[in-house]
Amino acid sequence: MRDKVEAVLNKIRPSLQRDGGNVELVEVKDGTVKVKLTGACVGCPMSTLTLQIGIERILKQEIPEIKKVIAV
């Protein structure tokens, strides 16, 4: 499962990196993915939207077993 999540995050990363940010996979457990937003994403007022509308939506779409994504 972790490899699947990492593969999807690798698809998302270029768009985050264009804006000076990035995402790191922290943990995958029981359908919950924990990620850490880094770079320009830290403290950005749009980071919540990036997490929910971008990262979480795409992960759930690509990997139906994912129930939620949280930032740590």
PDB file of N, CA and C in Angstrom:
ATOM      1  N   MET A   1       0.829  -1.198   0.000  1.00  0.00           N
ATOM      2  CA  MET A   1       0.000   0.000   0.000  1.00  0.00           C
ATOM      3  C   MET A   1       0.871   1.258   0.000  1.00  0.00           C
ATOM      4  N   ARG A   2       1.916   1.238   0.805  1.00  0.00           N
ATOM      5  CA  ARG A   2       2.799   2.403   0.886  1.00  0.00           C
ATOM      6  C   ARG A   2       3.388   2.745  -0.485  1.00  0.00           C
ATOM      7  N   ASP A   3       3.772   1.714  -1.246  1.00  0.00           N
ATOM      8  CA  ASP A   3       4.335   1.945  -2.575  1.00  0.00           C
ATOM      9  C   ASP A   3       3.317   2.583  -3.518  1.00  0.00           C
ATOM     10  N   LYS A   4       2.059   2.147  -3.413  1.00  0.00           N
ATOM     11  CA  LYS A   4       0.995   2.732  -4.239  1.00  0.00           C
ATOM     12  C   LYS A   4       0.813   4.210  -3.914  1.00  0.00           C
ATOM     13  N   VAL A   5       0.777   4.522  -2.625  1.00  0.00           N
ATOM     14  CA  VAL A   5       0.593   5.909  -2.196  1.00  0.00           C
ATOM     15  C   VAL A   5       1.768   6.758  -2.668  1.00  0.00           C
ATOM     16  N   GLU A   6       2.963   6.244  -2.519  1.00  0.00           N
ATOM     17  CA  GLU A   6       4.155   6.984  -2.944  1.00  0.00           C
ATOM     18  C   GLU A   6       4.116   7.244  -4.454  1.00  0.00           C
ATOM     19  N   ALA A   7       3.654   6.273  -5.216  1.00  0.00           N
ATOM     20  CA  ALA A   7       3.563   6.440  -6.670  1.00  0.00           C
ATOM     21  C   ALA A   7       2.580   7.557  -7.039  1.00  0.00           C
ATOM     22  N   VAL A   8       1.461   7.623  -6.340  1.00  0.00           N
ATOM     23  CA  VAL A   8       0.481   8.683  -6.600  1.00  0.00           C
ATOM     24  C   VAL A   8       1.046  10.036  -6.164  1.00  0.00           C
ATOM     25  N   LEU A   9       1.699  10.077  -5.028  1.00  0.00           N
ATOM     26  CA  LEU A   9       2.306  11.332  -4.575  1.00  0.00           C
ATOM     27  C   LEU A   9       3.353  11.825  -5.567  1.00  0.00           C
ATOM     28  N   ASN A  10       4.053  10.901  -6.210  1.00  0.00           N
ATOM     29  CA  ASN A  10       5.047  11.297  -7.213  1.00  0.00           C
ATOM     30  C   ASN A  10       4.391  11.983  -8.408  1.00  0.00           C
ATOM     31  N   LYS A  11       3.133  11.664  -8.679  1.00  0.00           N
ATOM     32  CA  LYS A  11       2.389  12.343  -9.751  1.00  0.00           C
ATOM     33  C   LYS A  11       1.987  13.756  -9.324  1.00  0.00           C
ATOM     34  N   ILE A  12       1.741  13.931  -8.032  1.00  0.00           N
ATOM     35  CA  ILE A  12       1.264  15.213  -7.492  1.00  0.00           C
ATOM     36  C   ILE A  12       2.421  16.184  -7.247  1.00  0.00           C
ATOM     37  N   ARG A  13       3.567  15.649  -6.871  1.00  0.00           N
ATOM     38  CA  ARG A  13       4.708  16.478  -6.453  1.00  0.00           C
ATOM     39  C   ARG A  13       5.099  17.587  -7.433  1.00  0.00           C
ATOM     40  N   PRO A  14       5.168  17.336  -8.731  1.00  0.00           N
ATOM     41  CA  PRO A  14       5.610  18.411  -9.637  1.00  0.00           C
ATOM     42  C   PRO A  14       4.784  19.697  -9.520  1.00  0.00           C
ATOM     43  N   SER A  15       3.482  19.566  -9.333  1.00  0.00           N
ATOM     44  CA  SER A  15       2.666  20.777  -9.216  1.00  0.00           C
ATOM     45  C   SER A  15       2.945  21.503  -7.902  1.00  0.00           C
ATOM     46  N   LEU A  16       3.205  20.768  -6.837  1.00  0.00           N
ATOM     47  CA  LEU A  16       3.565  21.393  -5.562  1.00  0.00           C
ATOM     48  C   LEU A  16       4.936  22.057  -5.661  1.00  0.00           C
ATOM     49  N   GLN A  17       5.857  21.381  -6.312  1.00  0.00           N
ATOM     50  CA  GLN A  17       7.218  21.893  -6.423  1.00  0.00           C
ATOM     51  C   GLN A  17       7.282  23.162  -7.280  1.00  0.00           C
ATOM     52  N   ARG A  18       6.393  23.278  -8.248  1.00  0.00           N
ATOM     53  CA  ARG A  18       6.352  24.502  -9.059  1.00  0.00           C
ATOM     54  C   ARG A  18       6.056  25.727  -8.204  1.00  0.00           C
ATOM     55  N   ASP A  19       5.320  25.516  -7.118  1.00  0.00           N
ATOM     56  CA  ASP A  19       4.988  26.618  -6.212  1.00  0.00           C
ATOM     57  C   ASP A  19       5.919  26.680  -5.006  1.00  0.00           C
ATOM     58  N   GLY A  20       6.990  25.893  -5.033  1.00  0.00           N
ATOM     59  CA  GLY A  20       7.969  25.932  -3.953  1.00  0.00           C
ATOM     60  C   GLY A  20       7.673  25.021  -2.783  1.00  0.00           C
ATOM     61  N   GLY A  21       6.688  24.143  -2.919  1.00  0.00           N
ATOM     62  CA  GLY A  21       6.327  23.237  -1.834  1.00  0.00           C
ATOM     63  C   GLY A  21       6.637  21.793  -2.173  1.00  0.00           C
ATOM     64  N   ASN A  22       6.235  20.916  -1.290  1.00  0.00           N
ATOM     65  CA  ASN A  22       6.408  19.485  -1.511  1.00  0.00           C
ATOM     66  C   ASN A  22       5.584  18.732  -0.484  1.00  0.00           C
ATOM     67  N   VAL A  23       5.510  17.427  -0.634  1.00  0.00           N
ATOM     68  CA  VAL A  23       4.783  16.578   0.306  1.00  0.00           C
ATOM     69  C   VAL A  23       5.638  15.349   0.587  1.00  0.00           C
ATOM     70  N   GLU A  24       5.697  14.966   1.863  1.00  0.00           N
ATOM     71  CA  GLU A  24       6.428  13.767   2.282  1.00  0.00           C
ATOM     72  C   GLU A  24       5.439  12.778   2.876  1.00  0.00           C
ATOM     73  N   LEU A  25       5.567  11.531   2.508  1.00  0.00           N
ATOM     74  CA  LEU A  25       4.736  10.479   3.083  1.00  0.00           C
ATOM     75  C   LEU A  25       5.307  10.097   4.442  1.00  0.00           C
ATOM     76  N   VAL A  26       4.463  10.156   5.459  1.00  0.00           N
ATOM     77  CA  VAL A  26       4.893   9.825   6.818  1.00  0.00           C
ATOM     78  C   VAL A  26       4.467   8.405   7.176  1.00  0.00           C
ATOM     79  N   GLU A  27       3.182   8.082   6.931  1.00  0.00           N
ATOM     80  CA  GLU A  27       2.669   6.780   7.353  1.00  0.00           C
ATOM     81  C   GLU A  27       1.408   6.432   6.579  1.00  0.00           C
ATOM     82  N   VAL A  28       1.228   5.141   6.348  1.00  0.00           N
ATOM     83  CA  VAL A  28      -0.016   4.612   5.790  1.00  0.00           C
ATOM     84  C   VAL A  28      -0.467   3.514   6.736  1.00  0.00           C
ATOM     85  N   LYS A  29      -1.676   3.701   7.312  1.00  0.00           N
ATOM     86  CA  LYS A  29      -2.152   2.709   8.288  1.00  0.00           C
ATOM     87  C   LYS A  29      -3.673   2.698   8.296  1.00  0.00           C
ATOM     88  N   ASP A  30      -4.261   1.526   8.121  1.00  0.00           N
ATOM     89  CA  ASP A  30      -5.710   1.339   8.206  1.00  0.00           C
ATOM     90  C   ASP A  30      -6.479   2.329   7.326  1.00  0.00           C
ATOM     91  N   GLY A  31      -6.003   2.563   6.123  1.00  0.00           N
ATOM     92  CA  GLY A  31      -6.705   3.447   5.198  1.00  0.00           C
ATOM     93  C   GLY A  31      -6.485   4.928   5.427  1.00  0.00           C
ATOM     94  N   THR A  32      -5.642   5.259   6.403  1.00  0.00           N
ATOM     95  CA  THR A  32      -5.322   6.661   6.684  1.00  0.00           C
ATOM     96  C   THR A  32      -3.893   6.940   6.234  1.00  0.00           C
ATOM     97  N   VAL A  33      -3.743   8.007   5.472  1.00  0.00           N
ATOM     98  CA  VAL A  33      -2.430   8.416   4.998  1.00  0.00           C
ATOM     99  C   VAL A  33      -2.031   9.674   5.755  1.00  0.00           C
ATOM    100  N   LYS A  34      -0.848   9.652   6.349  1.00  0.00           N
ATOM    101  CA  LYS A  34      -0.315  10.829   7.022  1.00  0.00           C
ATOM    102  C   LYS A  34       0.799  11.397   6.156  1.00  0.00           C
ATOM    103  N   VAL A  35       0.686  12.687   5.870  1.00  0.00           N
ATOM    104  CA  VAL A  35       1.686  13.358   5.052  1.00  0.00           C
ATOM    105  C   VAL A  35       2.184  14.604   5.769  1.00  0.00           C
ATOM    106  N   LYS A  36       3.338  15.060   5.348  1.00  0.00           N
ATOM    107  CA  LYS A  36       3.897  16.297   5.863  1.00  0.00           C
ATOM    108  C   LYS A  36       4.110  17.232   4.675  1.00  0.00           C
ATOM    109  N   LEU A  37       3.467  18.388   4.736  1.00  0.00           N
ATOM    110  CA  LEU A  37       3.666  19.391   3.702  1.00  0.00           C
ATOM    111  C   LEU A  37       4.929  20.163   4.042  1.00  0.00           C
ATOM    112  N   THR A  38       5.775  20.404   3.053  1.00  0.00           N
ATOM    113  CA  THR A  38       7.051  21.067   3.297  1.00  0.00           C
ATOM    114  C   THR A  38       7.238  22.244   2.343  1.00  0.00           C
ATOM    115  N   GLY A  39       8.307  22.966   2.559  1.00  0.00           N
ATOM    116  CA  GLY A  39       8.633  24.107   1.702  1.00  0.00           C
ATOM    117  C   GLY A  39       7.610  25.212   1.848  1.00  0.00           C
ATOM    118  N   ALA A  40       7.223  25.795   0.720  1.00  0.00           N
ATOM    119  CA  ALA A  40       6.285  26.916   0.722  1.00  0.00           C
ATOM    120  C   ALA A  40       4.905  26.516   1.244  1.00  0.00           C
ATOM    121  N   CYS A  41       4.607  25.220   1.290  1.00  0.00           N
ATOM    122  CA  CYS A  41       3.299  24.760   1.783  1.00  0.00           C
ATOM    123  C   CYS A  41       3.143  25.010   3.285  1.00  0.00           C
ATOM    124  N   VAL A  42       4.263  25.043   4.004  1.00  0.00           N
ATOM    125  CA  VAL A  42       4.216  25.252   5.450  1.00  0.00           C
ATOM    126  C   VAL A  42       3.738  26.678   5.721  1.00  0.00           C
ATOM    127  N   GLY A  43       2.637  26.781   6.425  1.00  0.00           N
ATOM    128  CA  GLY A  43       2.099  28.086   6.777  1.00  0.00           C
ATOM    129  C   GLY A  43       1.305  28.769   5.674  1.00  0.00           C
ATOM    130  N   CYS A  44       1.206  28.150   4.519  1.00  0.00           N
ATOM    131  CA  CYS A  44       0.439  28.738   3.422  1.00  0.00           C
ATOM    132  C   CYS A  44      -1.055  28.624   3.723  1.00  0.00           C
ATOM    133  N   PRO A  45      -1.810  29.712   3.551  1.00  0.00           N
ATOM    134  CA  PRO A  45      -3.246  29.646   3.835  1.00  0.00           C
ATOM    135  C   PRO A  45      -3.999  28.690   2.904  1.00  0.00           C
ATOM    136  N   MET A  46      -3.420  28.351   1.779  1.00  0.00           N
ATOM    137  CA  MET A  46      -4.070  27.442   0.831  1.00  0.00           C
ATOM    138  C   MET A  46      -3.709  25.978   1.083  1.00  0.00           C
ATOM    139  N   SER A  47      -2.853  25.708   2.053  1.00  0.00           N
ATOM    140  CA  SER A  47      -2.390  24.337   2.258  1.00  0.00           C
ATOM    141  C   SER A  47      -3.514  23.381   2.642  1.00  0.00           C
ATOM    142  N   THR A  48      -4.516  23.849   3.358  1.00  0.00           N
ATOM    143  CA  THR A  48      -5.656  22.995   3.705  1.00  0.00           C
ATOM    144  C   THR A  48      -6.402  22.577   2.451  1.00  0.00           C
ATOM    145  N   LEU A  49      -6.616  23.511   1.551  1.00  0.00           N
ATOM    146  CA  LEU A  49      -7.273  23.180   0.279  1.00  0.00           C
ATOM    147  C   LEU A  49      -6.403  22.244  -0.554  1.00  0.00           C
ATOM    148  N   THR A  50      -5.112  22.505  -0.571  1.00  0.00           N
ATOM    149  CA  THR A  50      -4.193  21.636  -1.305  1.00  0.00           C
ATOM    150  C   THR A  50      -4.296  20.215  -0.783  1.00  0.00           C
ATOM    151  N   LEU A  51      -4.349  20.077   0.528  1.00  0.00           N
ATOM    152  CA  LEU A  51      -4.422  18.756   1.141  1.00  0.00           C
ATOM    153  C   LEU A  51      -5.744  18.071   0.811  1.00  0.00           C
ATOM    154  N   GLN A  52      -6.863  18.763   1.012  1.00  0.00           N
ATOM    155  CA  GLN A  52      -8.177  18.149   0.848  1.00  0.00           C
ATOM    156  C   GLN A  52      -8.588  18.000  -0.615  1.00  0.00           C
ATOM    157  N   ILE A  53      -8.496  19.072  -1.369  1.00  0.00           N
ATOM    158  CA  ILE A  53      -8.983  19.046  -2.745  1.00  0.00           C
ATOM    159  C   ILE A  53      -7.969  18.427  -3.695  1.00  0.00           C
ATOM    160  N   GLY A  54      -6.699  18.620  -3.400  1.00  0.00           N
ATOM    161  CA  GLY A  54      -5.671  18.075  -4.274  1.00  0.00           C
ATOM    162  C   GLY A  54      -5.241  16.687  -3.868  1.00  0.00           C
ATOM    163  N   ILE A  55      -4.470  16.610  -2.818  1.00  0.00           N
ATOM    164  CA  ILE A  55      -3.831  15.352  -2.430  1.00  0.00           C
ATOM    165  C   ILE A  55      -4.836  14.279  -2.034  1.00  0.00           C
ATOM    166  N   GLU A  56      -5.754  14.591  -1.121  1.00  0.00           N
ATOM    167  CA  GLU A  56      -6.713  13.584  -0.647  1.00  0.00           C
ATOM    168  C   GLU A  56      -7.622  13.095  -1.777  1.00  0.00           C
ATOM    169  N   ARG A  57      -8.141  14.007  -2.559  1.00  0.00           N
ATOM    170  CA  ARG A  57      -9.051  13.628  -3.647  1.00  0.00           C
ATOM    171  C   ARG A  57      -8.360  12.699  -4.647  1.00  0.00           C
ATOM    172  N   ILE A  58      -7.143  13.047  -5.020  1.00  0.00           N
ATOM    173  CA  ILE A  58      -6.418  12.236  -6.003  1.00  0.00           C
ATOM    174  C   ILE A  58      -6.059  10.872  -5.423  1.00  0.00           C
ATOM    175  N   LEU A  59      -5.599  10.835  -4.176  1.00  0.00           N
ATOM    176  CA  LEU A  59      -5.263   9.551  -3.555  1.00  0.00           C
ATOM    177  C   LEU A  59      -6.489   8.638  -3.471  1.00  0.00           C
ATOM    178  N   LYS A  60      -7.629   9.188  -3.045  1.00  0.00           N
ATOM    179  CA  LYS A  60      -8.847   8.378  -2.943  1.00  0.00           C
ATOM    180  C   LYS A  60      -9.309   7.893  -4.313  1.00  0.00           C
ATOM    181  N   GLN A  61      -9.136   8.729  -5.302  1.00  0.00           N
ATOM    182  CA  GLN A  61      -9.534   8.372  -6.669  1.00  0.00           C
ATOM    183  C   GLN A  61      -8.661   7.239  -7.207  1.00  0.00           C
ATOM    184  N   GLU A  62      -7.366   7.321  -6.956  1.00  0.00           N
ATOM    185  CA  GLU A  62      -6.416   6.327  -7.474  1.00  0.00           C
ATOM    186  C   GLU A  62      -6.373   5.053  -6.626  1.00  0.00           C
ATOM    187  N   ILE A  63      -6.595   5.209  -5.314  1.00  0.00           N
ATOM    188  CA  ILE A  63      -6.518   4.070  -4.387  1.00  0.00           C
ATOM    189  C   ILE A  63      -7.775   4.078  -3.521  1.00  0.00           C
ATOM    190  N   PRO A  64      -8.821   3.367  -3.935  1.00  0.00           N
ATOM    191  CA  PRO A  64     -10.103   3.404  -3.216  1.00  0.00           C
ATOM    192  C   PRO A  64     -10.034   2.987  -1.746  1.00  0.00           C
ATOM    193  N   GLU A  65      -8.993   2.252  -1.347  1.00  0.00           N
ATOM    194  CA  GLU A  65      -8.869   1.814   0.046  1.00  0.00           C
ATOM    195  C   GLU A  65      -8.546   2.973   0.992  1.00  0.00           C
ATOM    196  N   ILE A  66      -8.097   4.088   0.453  1.00  0.00           N
ATOM    197  CA  ILE A  66      -7.753   5.242   1.277  1.00  0.00           C
ATOM    198  C   ILE A  66      -9.039   5.888   1.785  1.00  0.00           C
ATOM    199  N   LYS A  67      -9.108   6.063   3.105  1.00  0.00           N
ATOM    200  CA  LYS A  67     -10.288   6.674   3.724  1.00  0.00           C
ATOM    201  C   LYS A  67     -10.085   8.147   4.000  1.00  0.00           C
ATOM    202  N   LYS A  68      -8.873   8.514   4.442  1.00  0.00           N
ATOM    203  CA  LYS A  68      -8.611   9.925   4.723  1.00  0.00           C
ATOM    204  C   LYS A  68      -7.122  10.206   4.651  1.00  0.00           C
ATOM    205  N   VAL A  69      -6.830  11.492   4.467  1.00  0.00           N
ATOM    206  CA  VAL A  69      -5.445  11.958   4.424  1.00  0.00           C
ATOM    207  C   VAL A  69      -5.332  13.097   5.425  1.00  0.00           C
ATOM    208  N   ILE A  70      -4.342  13.014   6.287  1.00  0.00           N
ATOM    209  CA  ILE A  70      -4.156  14.075   7.279  1.00  0.00           C
ATOM    210  C   ILE A  70      -2.714  14.583   7.236  1.00  0.00           C
ATOM    211  N   ALA A  71      -2.572  15.854   7.543  1.00  0.00           N
ATOM    212  CA  ALA A  71      -1.237  16.455   7.617  1.00  0.00           C
ATOM    213  C   ALA A  71      -0.742  16.382   9.055  1.00  0.00           C
ATOM    214  N   VAL A  72       0.521  16.050   9.192  1.00  0.00           N
ATOM    215  CA  VAL A  72       1.130  15.989  10.524  1.00  0.00           C
ATOM    216  C   VAL A  72       2.266  16.985  10.630  1.00  0.00           C
TER     217      VAL A  72
END
